C-alpha atoms as a PDB file:
ATOM      1  CA  MET A   1       0.000   0.000   0.000  1.00  0.00           C
ATOM      2  CA  LYS A   2       1.238   3.512  -0.849  1.00  0.00           C
ATOM      3  CA  LEU A   3      -0.358   6.592   0.767  1.00  0.00           C
ATOM      4  CA  LEU A   4       0.186  10.299   0.062  1.00  0.00           C
ATOM      5  CA  ASN A   5      -0.229  12.974   2.734  1.00  0.00           C
ATOM      6  CA  VAL A   6      -0.692  16.304   0.914  1.00  0.00           C
ATOM      7  CA  GLY A   7      -0.118  19.446   2.991  1.00  0.00           C
ATOM      8  CA  ALA A   8       1.517  17.373   5.682  1.00  0.00           C
ATOM      9  CA  GLY A   9       2.643  20.182   7.993  1.00  0.00           C
ATOM     10  CA  SER A  10       3.742  18.804  11.342  1.00  0.00           C
ATOM     11  CA  ILE A  11       1.603  15.649  10.944  1.00  0.00           C
ATOM     12  CA  ARG A  12       3.880  13.457   8.844  1.00  0.00           C
ATOM     13  CA  PRO A  13       3.194   9.761   9.355  1.00  0.00           C
ATOM     14  CA  GLN A  14       6.340   7.683   9.026  1.00  0.00           C
ATOM     15  CA  GLY A  15       6.609   4.188   7.666  1.00  0.00           C
ATOM     16  CA  GLU A  16       6.913   2.361   4.388  1.00  0.00           C
ATOM     17  CA  ALA A  17       3.382   3.202   3.213  1.00  0.00           C
ATOM     18  CA  TRP A  18       3.485   6.992   3.697  1.00  0.00           C
ATOM     19  CA  TRP A  19       4.795   9.772   1.466  1.00  0.00           C
ATOM     20  CA  ASN A  20       4.467  13.296   2.898  1.00  0.00           C
ATOM     21  CA  MET A  21       4.372  16.444   0.782  1.00  0.00           C
ATOM     22  CA  ASP A  22       4.271  20.134   1.708  1.00  0.00           C
ATOM     23  CA  GLN A  23       6.138  23.446   1.403  1.00  0.00           C
ATOM     24  CA  LEU A  24       7.874  23.691   4.745  1.00  0.00           C
ATOM     25  CA  HIS A  25      11.475  24.646   3.930  1.00  0.00           C
ATOM     26  CA  TRP A  26      10.767  28.363   3.541  1.00  0.00           C
ATOM     27  CA  GLN A  27       9.139  28.394   6.992  1.00  0.00           C
ATOM     28  CA  LEU A  28      12.015  26.708   8.829  1.00  0.00           C
ATOM     29  CA  PRO A  29      15.331  28.455   9.512  1.00  0.00           C
ATOM     30  CA  VAL A  30      18.367  26.853   7.876  1.00  0.00           C
ATOM     31  CA  GLY A  31      20.146  24.649  10.397  1.00  0.00           C
ATOM     32  CA  SER A  32      17.205  24.511  12.803  1.00  0.00           C
ATOM     33  CA  PRO A  33      16.472  21.143  14.442  1.00  0.00           C
ATOM     34  CA  GLU A  34      13.055  21.055  12.729  1.00  0.00           C
ATOM     35  CA  ARG A  35      14.556  21.582   9.279  1.00  0.00           C
ATOM     36  CA  ARG A  36      17.320  19.012   9.840  1.00  0.00           C
ATOM     37  CA  LYS A  37      14.664  16.491  10.901  1.00  0.00           C
ATOM     38  CA  LEU A  38      12.585  17.278   7.812  1.00  0.00           C
ATOM     39  CA  ASP A  39      15.603  16.931   5.536  1.00  0.00           C
ATOM     40  CA  ALA A  40      16.344  13.512   7.049  1.00  0.00           C
ATOM     41  CA  GLU A  41      12.881  12.114   6.300  1.00  0.00           C
ATOM     42  CA  PRO A  42      13.258   9.736   3.350  1.00  0.00           C
ATOM     43  CA  ARG A  43       9.665  10.063   2.154  1.00  0.00           C
ATOM     44  CA  TYR A  44       9.151  13.827   2.396  1.00  0.00           C
ATOM     45  CA  ARG A  45       8.752  15.771  -0.852  1.00  0.00           C
ATOM     46  CA  GLU A  46       8.966  19.571  -0.919  1.00  0.00           C
ATOM     47  CA  HIS A  47       6.454  20.694  -3.554  1.00  0.00           C
ATOM     48  CA  ASP A  48       3.946  23.444  -4.376  1.00  0.00           C
ATOM     49  CA  ILE A  49       0.650  21.631  -4.989  1.00  0.00           C
ATOM     50  CA  THR A  50      -0.639  24.527  -7.115  1.00  0.00           C
ATOM     51  CA  LYS A  51       1.818  23.264  -9.763  1.00  0.00           C
ATOM     52  CA  GLY A  52       0.169  19.846  -9.862  1.00  0.00           C
ATOM     53  CA  LEU A  53       1.428  16.656  -8.276  1.00  0.00           C
ATOM     54  CA  PRO A  54       4.899  15.262  -9.049  1.00  0.00           C
ATOM     55  CA  PHE A  55       3.638  11.693  -9.268  1.00  0.00           C
ATOM     56  CA  LYS A  56       2.064   9.533 -11.961  1.00  0.00           C
ATOM     57  CA  ASP A  57      -1.664   8.803 -11.989  1.00  0.00           C
ATOM     58  CA  ASP A  58      -2.487   5.698  -9.951  1.00  0.00           C
ATOM     59  CA  ASP A  59       0.797   5.934  -7.986  1.00  0.00           C
ATOM     60  CA  PHE A  60      -1.049   5.879  -4.657  1.00  0.00           C
ATOM     61  CA  ASP A  61      -3.728   3.738  -3.069  1.00  0.00           C
ATOM     62  CA  GLY A  62      -5.011   6.625  -0.956  1.00  0.00           C
ATOM     63  CA  VAL A  63      -4.539  10.337  -0.311  1.00  0.00           C
ATOM     64  CA  LEU A  64      -4.853  12.299   2.937  1.00  0.00           C
ATOM     65  CA  PHE A  65      -5.698  15.930   2.126  1.00  0.00           C
ATOM     66  CA  ALA A  66      -6.592  17.485   5.484  1.00  0.00           C
ATOM     67  CA  HIS A  67      -6.455  21.142   6.559  1.00  0.00           C
ATOM     68  CA  CYS A  68      -4.991  22.317   3.241  1.00  0.00           C
ATOM     69  CA  LEU A  69      -7.581  24.789   2.001  1.00  0.00           C
ATOM     70  CA  GLU A  70      -8.576  26.853   5.019  1.00  0.00           C
END
């Protein structure tokens, strides 16, 4: 199973199934513990969702899209 969490923010499930995507780098100071942790996450993708998704159709079995459009 492969799951995509769009607009992940601070809720980024870890594990083989999850891919997390958001635009967090500009919010986190370079060298901060939060940014280093984010950079170390193997399944985090920095991306602007207004440009579309950087994945092929049918790449995921499910998508979590919570609290993205407030």
